[in-house]
Structure formats: C-alpha cells, structure tokens
Amino acid sequence: MTTCRLCGSTNMESVVDLGATPPCERFLTVEQLAEPEITYPLHLQVCTDCWLAQIPPLITPEDTFTEYAYFSSFSESWVEHARRFVRDAAERVGLDESSFVVEVASNDGYLLRHVVAQGIPCLGVEPSVNVGQAARDGGVPTLTAFLSPETGAAVRAEHGPANLVVANNVYAHIPDVIGFTQGLRALVADDGWVSIEVQHLLTLIEKTQYDTIYHEHFQYYTVESARQALATGGLSLVDVELLPTHGGSIRLWARPAEVAGAPSPRMVDALAAEKAAGLHELAGYTEFAARVARVRRDLLKFLVAAAEEGKTVVGYGAPGKGNTLLNHCGIRPDLLAYTVDRNPYKHGRYTPGTRIPVLPPERIAADRPDYVLVLPWNLRAELSQQLSYVEEWGGKLVFPIPHLEIVEGKSS
C-alpha cells in the first residue's frame, strides 16, 4: 500500500508488521483441515498527512460479511451497552413514534431491538445474510445490503430521511471510507444526527491492543482522522464521547455540515489528548512495534513454561482479535489445547491458521484446566464474573493484553 485511501497522500509510514494471517473469522470445518489456507499480509501503516492508520485492502467486505460468524447478542454487556445508548440517544435527538432510525451493520438486531421496544420506526442495513435473518426473526426490520451512496439514497427514497443514523463498529470495516461516508449522508435528514462508535487509536497504541488489528479492520481512527473522513461526505464532527468498550472507543456525533455548529468541549479535549500523545506526528507511533514484540514474548514464555510444568491451558472465546494474537504468536494446540465460545456456529470448527478446536463453554468445567486464557480481554469484567467458578479447583485466568496478567478466577 503506497497511497492513503482517505487523502491520497503517498507519505505512508510503517507502524507494525504482524506477518501474514488468514482472515480472522474464517473458522475451519473438519474437512477444511486437509486443505490449504490463504494468508494475507497484516501490516499497519499511518498516513503522515491525515494520520489515518490503515492496512491494505487485500480482502473485500463481500469475502468477510456475506456469511458472518459474529453475533453481537452473545455478549450480555454489549446488549446492555446498546440499550443504554438507545435510551440516551432518544433523549438527545428527541426520538419518538414519528421518528426514523437506521442502523448500518445492524448485525442480529442487538441494538435496534431496543428501538423497536420504544415504538420508534427503524431499519437495519446488514450485509450478512445469516445474522440479518436472525434480526428479522427477532422482529427487527432489516435490509440485506452493504451501505453505499446508492443504497443510502434508495433507503431514503423508500422510507424517508433518518433522524438518527447509527454505525457502531463498522466505520473501520469498509475500505471505501469515502463512499461509505457519502452513504451515511444520503441516509440522514438534513437536520439529523449520525452516531458512530469505533475503537480509538489512542488506546490501541497506548495499551498495545495490537490484536484488534486484523483484515476486517481496514482503518484505525483518531478523532482527527475521523473528523477528516466524515468531512468527505459533507458531515461535520461536533461531539466525542470516550467509551470503555473494546478496550477504549470513541463515539462520534456528526451532523450535516450546514447545521453542525461549533465542536463541543469534549471534542476539543479529545483532540488535545491525541496531540499530547504524539498521534498527530510520527513520534507517537515509533515505539509501538517494540511493545507488540514484548507482549508476544511474554505470552509465549508463559505458555511454554506451563507446558513444561504439565499444566493445562485452554482458551475462552474465539473472537477475531484472538486469532490475530494466536497467529502472531504462533500458538498451536500443544500450547493451547482448545478454546470455547458461546456461539454455536463455531463449535466443532477450528481457529483459522492456528487450527485450535473451538468447543462449547461447558467443556471448561468438565476438564478443570489450570489456566484459562481470556482472548476477548475487552470483556474482562463480564467474563471474570462468568468464569468465577474456575477458582473452585484452583484455576486462574490469564489476560494477555495490555500485558500478561494471571489472576484468580473471580478477580476483575
């Protein structure tokens, strides 16, 4: 990749090169274990003109999202996060039975179910056939489509403009960031609001959250780069909320430029924090690769030592970020016997690249392992409570990010 996909600059600098991995959600069946796997380079670079961090678009959204393995509703804390957002957004925007809400990448209806419950008309735009059907089965109107300027215009023509457009954890997932942003503008009313949640590059860098770098995530935003991206579609960023989700996210509130008004003090403060961390210059990125290498070495030292001592280590969760970590560290079943996941779609399958079996969560209690490596570390509080029973036999939880930490089962 030699050209920035946002501003077209050729001033690209390497942040971290994670080698080559398969797509993180391409879980393997037993039959596929005998077949070759395609891997793609995973190299994060940053544009030193607009400061958008990005990876090459080597796979397409169609490759990943037409049939998808991730269902948002399996995380209780994430569903509760969505419920609170709907409650607060309804008050902020003034939503009622006469309003219209659109969520882009609405997944299985985890968020819009709360909009439906309030009697507010809504529509999900979700490209994955299987998870979109789950949303419809749950009573959430859902269109199977990728967002583009044409899709946005068609939805607006059929349903009218949206008072609120929500795009949570999708703004990083599209290589055509300009076309997607134009699609958001096509959906939203001329006096409406757009709300976007995306991981904050500031916390990714500061807390070495490199496992969230994978092929589904084409770009990684600071508030400054998000502001510039939104402007390409005629949207102005006016407010920013700092969130704990996904290890540290930003909720971006944008409006059509004609009605936007001045930025909030929170947005001014967020920009200042990024500048102070050096993320508006190259200096803020230069030490990241060395810290990534430290995480890898520490995790491998722990796993090798556990194996030599005859201790059993299993995983909890099979998230996309976990597959970046497993592949980068070269972890195989000799060091991690299996992992478990609440999503039955993944049961009986194997993690991409590392080929670690994925089993139902009940297997942990049956096998009573010495250690449980928690791969979705961003759900630490929720999973520490769920896994508190591990302490009954003296088992311990292991968190690999931001640094290796071994804790008792009920600790958080």
Protein backbone atom coordinates (compact mmCIF):
# COMPACT_ATOMS: atom_id res chain seq x y z
CA MET A 1 0.00 0.00 0.00
CA THR A 2 1.61 3.22 -1.16
CA THR A 3 -1.34 5.63 -1.19
CA CYS A 4 -3.63 6.74 1.65
CA ARG A 5 -7.22 5.72 0.97
CA LEU A 6 -8.55 8.87 2.62
CA CYS A 7 -6.44 11.76 1.36
CA GLY A 8 -4.43 10.16 -1.47
CA SER A 9 -1.06 11.02 0.05
CA THR A 10 1.94 8.81 -0.64
CA ASN A 11 3.52 9.69 2.70
CA MET A 12 2.94 6.34 4.40
CA GLU A 13 4.99 5.06 7.37
CA SER A 14 5.07 1.58 8.93
CA VAL A 15 3.62 1.20 12.44
CA VAL A 16 3.79 -2.59 12.94
CA ASP A 17 4.12 -5.59 10.64
CA LEU A 18 2.35 -8.69 12.01
CA GLY A 19 3.36 -11.01 9.21
CA ALA A 20 0.67 -12.87 7.27
CA THR A 21 -2.52 -14.39 8.69
CA PRO A 22 -5.77 -15.84 7.34
CA PRO A 23 -8.98 -13.82 7.70
CA CYS A 24 -9.86 -13.83 11.39
CA GLU A 25 -13.46 -15.06 11.13
CA ARG A 26 -12.84 -17.87 8.64
CA PHE A 27 -13.23 -20.76 11.09
CA LEU A 28 -12.41 -24.14 9.60
CA THR A 29 -14.54 -27.27 9.41
CA VAL A 30 -13.00 -30.70 9.93
CA GLU A 31 -12.95 -31.21 6.17
CA GLN A 32 -11.09 -27.93 5.61
CA LEU A 33 -8.24 -29.02 7.88
CA ALA A 34 -6.88 -31.05 4.97
CA GLU A 35 -6.98 -28.06 2.62
CA PRO A 36 -4.55 -25.15 2.22
CA GLU A 37 -5.32 -21.80 3.81
CA ILE A 38 -4.74 -18.46 2.15
CA THR A 39 -2.97 -15.88 4.29
CA TYR A 40 -2.66 -12.15 3.71
CA PRO A 41 -0.08 -9.63 4.94
CA LEU A 42 -1.14 -7.75 8.06
CA HIS A 43 0.87 -4.55 8.04
CA LEU A 44 -0.38 -1.39 9.75
CA GLN A 45 0.79 1.90 8.27
CA VAL A 46 -0.10 5.50 9.01
CA CYS A 47 -0.51 8.44 6.63
CA THR A 48 1.59 11.33 7.89
CA ASP A 49 -0.67 13.87 6.20
CA CYS A 50 -4.15 12.98 7.54
CA TRP A 51 -2.98 10.49 10.26
CA LEU A 52 -5.35 7.72 9.19
CA ALA A 53 -3.82 4.38 10.22
CA GLN A 54 -4.68 1.64 7.74
CA ILE A 55 -3.90 -1.78 6.34
CA PRO A 56 -4.01 -2.79 2.67
CA PRO A 57 -7.49 -3.83 1.43
CA LEU A 58 -6.41 -7.34 0.49
CA ILE A 59 -9.79 -8.93 1.17
CA THR A 60 -13.17 -7.44 0.36
CA PRO A 61 -16.12 -6.88 2.70
CA GLU A 62 -18.02 -9.32 0.48
CA ASP A 63 -15.44 -12.00 1.34
CA THR A 64 -16.00 -11.45 5.05
CA PHE A 65 -19.52 -10.30 5.74
CA THR A 66 -21.82 -12.09 3.31
CA GLU A 67 -21.90 -15.05 5.72
CA TYR A 68 -20.60 -13.97 9.12
CA ALA A 69 -19.65 -15.85 12.29
CA TYR A 70 -20.14 -12.99 14.77
CA PHE A 71 -23.47 -12.43 16.55
CA SER A 72 -23.48 -9.37 18.81
CA SER A 73 -26.21 -10.66 21.11
CA PHE A 74 -23.95 -13.34 22.60
CA SER A 75 -22.31 -10.62 24.71
CA GLU A 76 -24.66 -9.60 27.51
CA SER A 77 -22.62 -6.50 28.31
CA TRP A 78 -22.72 -5.40 24.68
CA VAL A 79 -26.50 -5.74 24.53
CA GLU A 80 -26.77 -3.67 27.71
CA HIS A 81 -24.41 -1.08 26.22
CA ALA A 82 -26.74 -0.84 23.22
CA ARG A 83 -29.80 -0.48 25.44
CA ARG A 84 -28.26 2.45 27.30
CA PHE A 85 -27.24 4.08 24.04
CA VAL A 86 -30.79 3.88 22.65
CA ARG A 87 -32.20 5.37 25.84
CA ASP A 88 -29.72 8.24 25.86
CA ALA A 89 -29.85 8.88 22.10
CA ALA A 90 -33.64 9.03 22.14
CA GLU A 91 -33.39 11.81 24.71
CA ARG A 92 -30.55 13.63 22.98
CA VAL A 93 -32.08 13.58 19.49
CA GLY A 94 -35.70 13.75 20.61
CA LEU A 95 -36.84 10.45 19.10
CA ASP A 96 -40.48 9.41 19.24
CA GLU A 97 -43.05 7.41 17.28
CA SER A 98 -42.79 9.87 14.39
CA SER A 99 -39.01 9.48 14.05
CA PHE A 100 -37.00 7.11 11.89
CA VAL A 101 -33.76 5.39 12.94
CA VAL A 102 -31.37 3.49 10.67
CA GLU A 103 -28.52 1.35 11.91
CA VAL A 104 -25.81 0.40 9.44
CA ALA A 105 -24.20 -3.00 10.08
CA SER A 106 -27.05 -3.82 12.45
CA ASN A 107 -25.91 -7.43 12.93
CA ASP A 108 -28.54 -9.59 14.66
CA GLY A 109 -30.65 -6.68 15.89
CA TYR A 110 -28.85 -6.36 19.23
CA LEU A 111 -29.37 -2.55 19.21
CA LEU A 112 -32.47 -1.95 17.14
CA ARG A 113 -34.50 -4.34 19.29
CA HIS A 114 -34.44 -1.58 21.90
CA VAL A 115 -35.62 0.95 19.31
CA VAL A 116 -38.48 -1.38 18.34
CA ALA A 117 -39.37 -1.75 22.03
CA GLN A 118 -39.84 2.02 22.28
CA GLY A 119 -42.20 2.02 19.30
CA ILE A 120 -39.81 4.04 17.11
CA PRO A 121 -39.78 3.10 13.39
CA CYS A 122 -36.41 1.75 12.35
CA LEU A 123 -34.49 -0.23 9.76
CA GLY A 124 -31.28 -2.23 9.92
CA VAL A 125 -28.91 -2.34 6.94
CA GLU A 126 -26.89 -5.52 7.35
CA PRO A 127 -24.87 -7.28 4.62
CA SER A 128 -24.59 -10.69 6.31
CA VAL A 129 -27.43 -12.94 5.26
CA ASN A 130 -27.35 -15.21 8.30
CA VAL A 131 -27.18 -12.59 11.05
CA GLY A 132 -29.64 -10.33 9.22
CA GLN A 133 -32.13 -13.20 9.21
CA ALA A 134 -31.63 -13.59 12.95
CA ALA A 135 -32.57 -9.90 13.33
CA ARG A 136 -35.72 -10.31 11.25
CA ASP A 137 -36.64 -13.40 13.27
CA GLY A 138 -36.39 -11.19 16.35
CA GLY A 139 -38.75 -8.58 14.95
CA VAL A 140 -36.20 -6.05 13.67
CA PRO A 141 -36.83 -4.86 10.07
CA THR A 142 -33.58 -5.50 8.21
CA LEU A 143 -32.36 -4.88 4.66
CA THR A 144 -29.62 -7.19 3.40
CA ALA A 145 -27.17 -4.80 1.75
CA PHE A 146 -23.83 -3.06 2.01
CA LEU A 147 -24.04 0.69 2.51
CA SER A 148 -23.08 2.81 -0.49
CA PRO A 149 -24.27 6.21 -1.69
CA GLU A 150 -26.78 4.37 -3.89
CA THR A 151 -28.07 2.20 -1.02
CA GLY A 152 -28.43 5.25 1.20
CA ALA A 153 -30.37 7.11 -1.47
CA ALA A 154 -32.64 4.13 -2.10
CA VAL A 155 -33.46 3.73 1.61
CA ARG A 156 -34.15 7.45 1.90
CA ALA A 157 -36.42 7.36 -1.16
CA GLU A 158 -38.45 4.45 0.25
CA HIS A 159 -38.56 5.29 3.95
CA GLY A 160 -37.71 8.97 4.17
CA PRO A 161 -34.66 10.58 5.80
CA ALA A 162 -33.43 9.22 9.13
CA ASN A 163 -33.44 11.40 12.21
CA LEU A 164 -30.63 9.24 13.58
CA VAL A 165 -28.18 7.02 11.72
CA VAL A 166 -26.14 4.64 13.88
CA ALA A 167 -22.94 2.99 12.66
CA ASN A 168 -21.33 1.11 15.54
CA ASN A 169 -18.16 -0.88 14.96
CA VAL A 170 -18.37 -0.67 11.18
CA TYR A 171 -16.53 2.52 10.22
CA ALA A 172 -13.26 0.58 10.44
CA HIS A 173 -14.63 -2.32 8.37
CA ILE A 174 -15.01 -0.66 4.98
CA PRO A 175 -12.11 0.07 2.60
CA ASP A 176 -14.13 2.66 0.67
CA VAL A 177 -14.35 5.07 3.57
CA ILE A 178 -15.36 7.98 1.35
CA GLY A 179 -18.19 6.10 -0.39
CA PHE A 180 -19.44 4.76 2.94
CA THR A 181 -19.44 8.24 4.45
CA GLN A 182 -21.39 9.54 1.48
CA GLY A 183 -23.87 6.74 2.13
CA LEU A 184 -24.31 7.94 5.71
CA ARG A 185 -25.03 11.45 4.44
CA ALA A 186 -27.57 10.08 1.97
CA LEU A 187 -29.43 8.36 4.82
CA VAL A 188 -29.52 11.17 7.39
CA ALA A 189 -32.01 14.02 7.41
CA ASP A 190 -30.68 17.48 6.67
CA ASP A 191 -31.14 18.34 10.36
CA GLY A 192 -30.40 14.82 11.65
CA TRP A 193 -27.60 13.12 13.55
CA VAL A 194 -25.05 10.41 12.82
CA SER A 195 -23.58 8.40 15.69
CA ILE A 196 -20.52 6.24 15.11
CA GLU A 197 -18.64 4.05 17.57
CA VAL A 198 -15.15 2.87 16.66
CA GLN A 199 -12.05 1.83 18.56
CA HIS A 200 -9.82 4.77 19.45
CA LEU A 201 -6.33 4.57 18.01
CA LEU A 202 -5.09 6.40 21.10
CA THR A 203 -5.90 3.48 23.42
CA LEU A 204 -4.82 0.91 20.82
CA ILE A 205 -1.37 2.48 20.79
CA GLU A 206 -1.07 3.31 24.49
CA LYS A 207 -2.30 -0.10 25.70
CA THR A 208 -0.67 -2.24 22.98
CA GLN A 209 -4.03 -3.57 21.81
CA TYR A 210 -2.49 -4.88 18.61
CA ASP A 211 -4.75 -7.92 18.42
CA THR A 212 -7.54 -5.63 17.22
CA ILE A 213 -5.54 -5.23 14.01
CA TYR A 214 -7.00 -7.72 11.55
CA HIS A 215 -8.16 -7.85 7.96
CA GLU A 216 -11.74 -6.84 8.73
CA HIS A 217 -10.44 -3.57 10.19
CA PHE A 218 -9.16 -1.59 7.25
CA GLN A 219 -8.53 1.64 9.19
CA TYR A 220 -7.93 2.83 12.76
CA TYR A 221 -9.12 6.26 13.79
CA THR A 222 -8.02 9.12 15.89
CA VAL A 223 -10.60 11.85 16.43
CA GLU A 224 -8.63 13.96 13.97
CA SER A 225 -8.61 11.36 11.19
CA ALA A 226 -12.29 10.62 11.82
CA ARG A 227 -13.07 14.32 11.51
CA GLN A 228 -11.36 14.41 8.13
CA ALA A 229 -13.09 11.21 6.98
CA LEU A 230 -16.55 12.49 7.89
CA ALA A 231 -15.91 15.73 6.03
CA THR A 232 -15.57 13.80 2.76
CA GLY A 233 -19.30 13.04 2.94
CA GLY A 234 -20.45 16.50 3.98
CA LEU A 235 -20.65 15.63 7.69
CA SER A 236 -19.08 17.66 10.48
CA LEU A 237 -17.92 16.10 13.73
CA VAL A 238 -19.40 18.06 16.62
CA ASP A 239 -19.02 15.90 19.73
CA VAL A 240 -16.97 12.97 21.02
CA GLU A 241 -17.57 10.58 23.90
CA LEU A 242 -14.79 8.39 25.29
CA LEU A 243 -16.08 4.86 25.94
CA PRO A 244 -14.54 1.81 27.66
CA THR A 245 -15.85 -0.64 25.04
CA HIS A 246 -13.35 -2.69 23.03
CA GLY A 247 -10.62 -1.55 25.36
CA GLY A 248 -11.24 2.12 24.53
CA SER A 249 -13.56 3.52 21.89
CA ILE A 250 -14.85 6.86 20.70
CA ARG A 251 -18.46 7.70 20.00
CA LEU A 252 -18.54 10.29 17.26
CA TRP A 253 -21.56 12.59 16.88
CA ALA A 254 -21.77 14.23 13.47
CA ARG A 255 -24.31 16.34 11.61
CA PRO A 256 -24.68 17.65 8.07
CA ALA A 257 -22.15 20.46 7.73
CA GLU A 258 -24.85 23.07 7.09
CA VAL A 259 -26.35 22.67 10.59
CA ALA A 260 -23.40 21.34 12.58
CA GLY A 261 -22.37 24.29 14.72
CA ALA A 262 -19.24 24.56 16.85
CA PRO A 263 -17.42 21.49 18.23
CA SER A 264 -18.09 20.56 21.84
CA PRO A 265 -15.53 21.00 24.65
CA ARG A 266 -15.27 17.18 24.81
CA MET A 267 -14.15 17.08 21.19
CA VAL A 268 -11.60 19.83 21.79
CA ASP A 269 -10.24 17.90 24.78
CA ALA A 270 -10.03 14.64 22.83
CA LEU A 271 -8.06 16.29 20.06
CA ALA A 272 -5.73 17.81 22.63
CA ALA A 273 -5.15 14.41 24.28
CA GLU A 274 -4.22 12.88 20.93
CA LYS A 275 -1.82 15.68 20.17
CA ALA A 276 -0.22 15.34 23.60
CA ALA A 277 0.27 11.60 22.96
CA GLY A 278 2.10 12.41 19.73
CA LEU A 279 -0.52 10.90 17.42
CA HIS A 280 -0.61 13.95 15.16
CA GLU A 281 3.08 13.36 14.40
CA LEU A 282 5.19 10.28 13.70
CA ALA A 283 6.76 10.24 17.16
CA GLY A 284 3.63 8.73 18.72
CA TYR A 285 3.93 5.54 16.66
CA THR A 286 7.63 4.68 16.70
CA GLU A 287 7.74 2.51 19.88
CA PHE A 288 4.58 0.51 19.21
CA ALA A 289 6.22 -2.39 17.36
CA ALA A 290 8.68 -2.97 20.22
CA ARG A 291 5.83 -3.16 22.75
CA VAL A 292 3.98 -5.62 20.50
CA ALA A 293 7.06 -7.85 20.46
CA ARG A 294 7.13 -7.77 24.27
CA VAL A 295 3.52 -8.95 24.52
CA ARG A 296 4.31 -11.85 22.18
CA ARG A 297 7.42 -12.91 24.09
CA ASP A 298 5.72 -12.76 27.49
CA LEU A 299 2.73 -14.81 26.38
CA LEU A 300 4.90 -17.47 24.76
CA LYS A 301 7.16 -17.68 27.83
CA PHE A 302 4.11 -18.31 30.00
CA LEU A 303 2.62 -20.96 27.69
CA VAL A 304 5.91 -22.82 27.24
CA ALA A 305 6.58 -22.80 30.98
CA ALA A 306 3.05 -24.08 31.70
CA ALA A 307 3.52 -26.92 29.20
CA GLU A 308 6.86 -27.91 30.69
CA GLU A 309 5.28 -28.00 34.16
CA GLY A 310 2.47 -30.25 32.92
CA LYS A 311 -0.18 -27.57 33.41
CA THR A 312 -3.23 -27.40 31.15
CA VAL A 313 -4.12 -24.14 29.42
CA VAL A 314 -7.33 -23.60 27.45
CA GLY A 315 -8.86 -20.50 25.92
CA TYR A 316 -12.09 -18.64 26.49
CA GLY A 317 -13.65 -17.01 23.47
CA ALA A 318 -12.92 -17.18 19.76
CA PRO A 319 -13.06 -13.53 18.71
CA GLY A 320 -11.39 -12.05 15.67
CA LYS A 321 -8.83 -10.31 17.86
CA GLY A 322 -7.92 -13.64 19.41
CA ASN A 323 -6.96 -15.02 16.03
CA THR A 324 -4.57 -12.14 15.40
CA LEU A 325 -2.91 -12.87 18.73
CA LEU A 326 -2.77 -16.65 18.21
CA ASN A 327 -1.35 -16.37 14.71
CA HIS A 328 1.18 -13.67 15.53
CA CYS A 329 2.44 -15.70 18.49
CA GLY A 330 2.41 -19.00 16.57
CA ILE A 331 0.29 -20.72 19.21
CA ARG A 332 -0.88 -24.24 18.40
CA PRO A 333 -2.84 -26.94 20.31
CA ASP A 334 0.34 -28.11 22.05
CA LEU A 335 0.29 -24.81 23.99
CA LEU A 336 -3.46 -24.10 23.99
CA ALA A 337 -5.46 -27.32 23.98
CA TYR A 338 -8.70 -25.70 22.82
CA THR A 339 -10.81 -22.60 23.23
CA VAL A 340 -14.52 -22.30 23.93
CA ASP A 341 -17.16 -19.89 22.68
CA ARG A 342 -20.82 -19.20 23.35
CA ASN A 343 -21.58 -19.01 19.64
CA PRO A 344 -22.74 -22.48 18.49
CA TYR A 345 -21.78 -21.61 14.91
CA LYS A 346 -18.14 -22.01 15.90
CA HIS A 347 -18.50 -25.28 17.81
CA GLY A 348 -16.72 -28.16 16.13
CA ARG A 349 -14.69 -25.78 14.00
CA TYR A 350 -11.07 -24.71 14.27
CA THR A 351 -9.42 -21.31 14.56
CA PRO A 352 -8.00 -20.00 11.28
CA GLY A 353 -4.30 -20.54 10.84
CA THR A 354 -3.60 -21.99 14.28
CA ARG A 355 -6.26 -24.73 13.99
CA ILE A 356 -7.19 -24.82 17.66
CA PRO A 357 -10.51 -26.61 18.34
CA VAL A 358 -13.49 -24.45 19.34
CA LEU A 359 -15.78 -26.17 21.86
CA PRO A 360 -18.86 -25.25 23.95
CA PRO A 361 -18.17 -23.31 27.19
CA GLU A 362 -19.29 -26.24 29.38
CA ARG A 363 -16.08 -28.03 28.49
CA ILE A 364 -14.07 -25.86 30.91
CA ALA A 365 -15.99 -27.03 33.98
CA ALA A 366 -15.74 -30.63 32.79
CA ASP A 367 -11.95 -30.52 32.24
CA ARG A 368 -10.96 -28.20 35.13
CA PRO A 369 -7.84 -26.72 33.46
CA ASP A 370 -5.12 -24.96 35.41
CA TYR A 371 -5.34 -21.76 33.34
CA VAL A 372 -7.93 -20.10 31.12
CA LEU A 373 -6.52 -17.65 28.57
CA VAL A 374 -9.18 -14.98 28.02
CA LEU A 375 -8.99 -13.92 24.38
CA PRO A 376 -11.77 -11.25 24.42
CA TRP A 377 -9.92 -9.31 27.12
CA ASN A 378 -12.06 -6.25 26.38
CA LEU A 379 -14.95 -8.04 28.16
CA ARG A 380 -12.84 -8.56 31.26
CA ALA A 381 -15.42 -7.56 33.88
CA GLU A 382 -18.20 -9.63 32.30
CA LEU A 383 -16.06 -12.71 31.70
CA SER A 384 -14.32 -12.60 35.08
CA GLN A 385 -17.75 -12.94 36.65
CA GLN A 386 -18.84 -15.67 34.25
CA LEU A 387 -15.65 -17.61 34.86
CA SER A 388 -15.52 -17.18 38.64
CA TYR A 389 -16.22 -20.91 39.02
CA VAL A 390 -12.70 -21.64 37.74
CA GLU A 391 -11.44 -20.71 41.20
CA GLU A 392 -13.25 -23.74 42.67
CA TRP A 393 -10.42 -26.06 41.59
CA GLY A 394 -7.64 -23.50 41.87
CA GLY A 395 -7.72 -22.45 38.24
CA LYS A 396 -6.60 -18.99 37.20
CA LEU A 397 -7.50 -16.58 34.45
CA VAL A 398 -4.86 -15.18 32.12
CA PHE A 399 -5.21 -11.84 30.32
CA PRO A 400 -2.65 -11.22 27.56
CA ILE A 401 -3.39 -7.54 26.80
CA PRO A 402 -2.18 -4.86 27.59
CA HIS A 403 0.41 -7.04 29.35
CA LEU A 404 0.40 -10.59 30.66
CA GLU A 405 -1.59 -10.87 33.87
CA ILE A 406 -2.51 -14.01 35.81
CA VAL A 407 -5.38 -13.56 38.27
CA GLU A 408 -7.72 -15.66 40.39
CA GLY A 409 -10.96 -16.72 38.71
CA LYS A 410 -13.21 -14.14 40.32
CA SER A 411 -10.81 -11.20 40.07
CA SER A 412 -11.60 -8.33 37.73
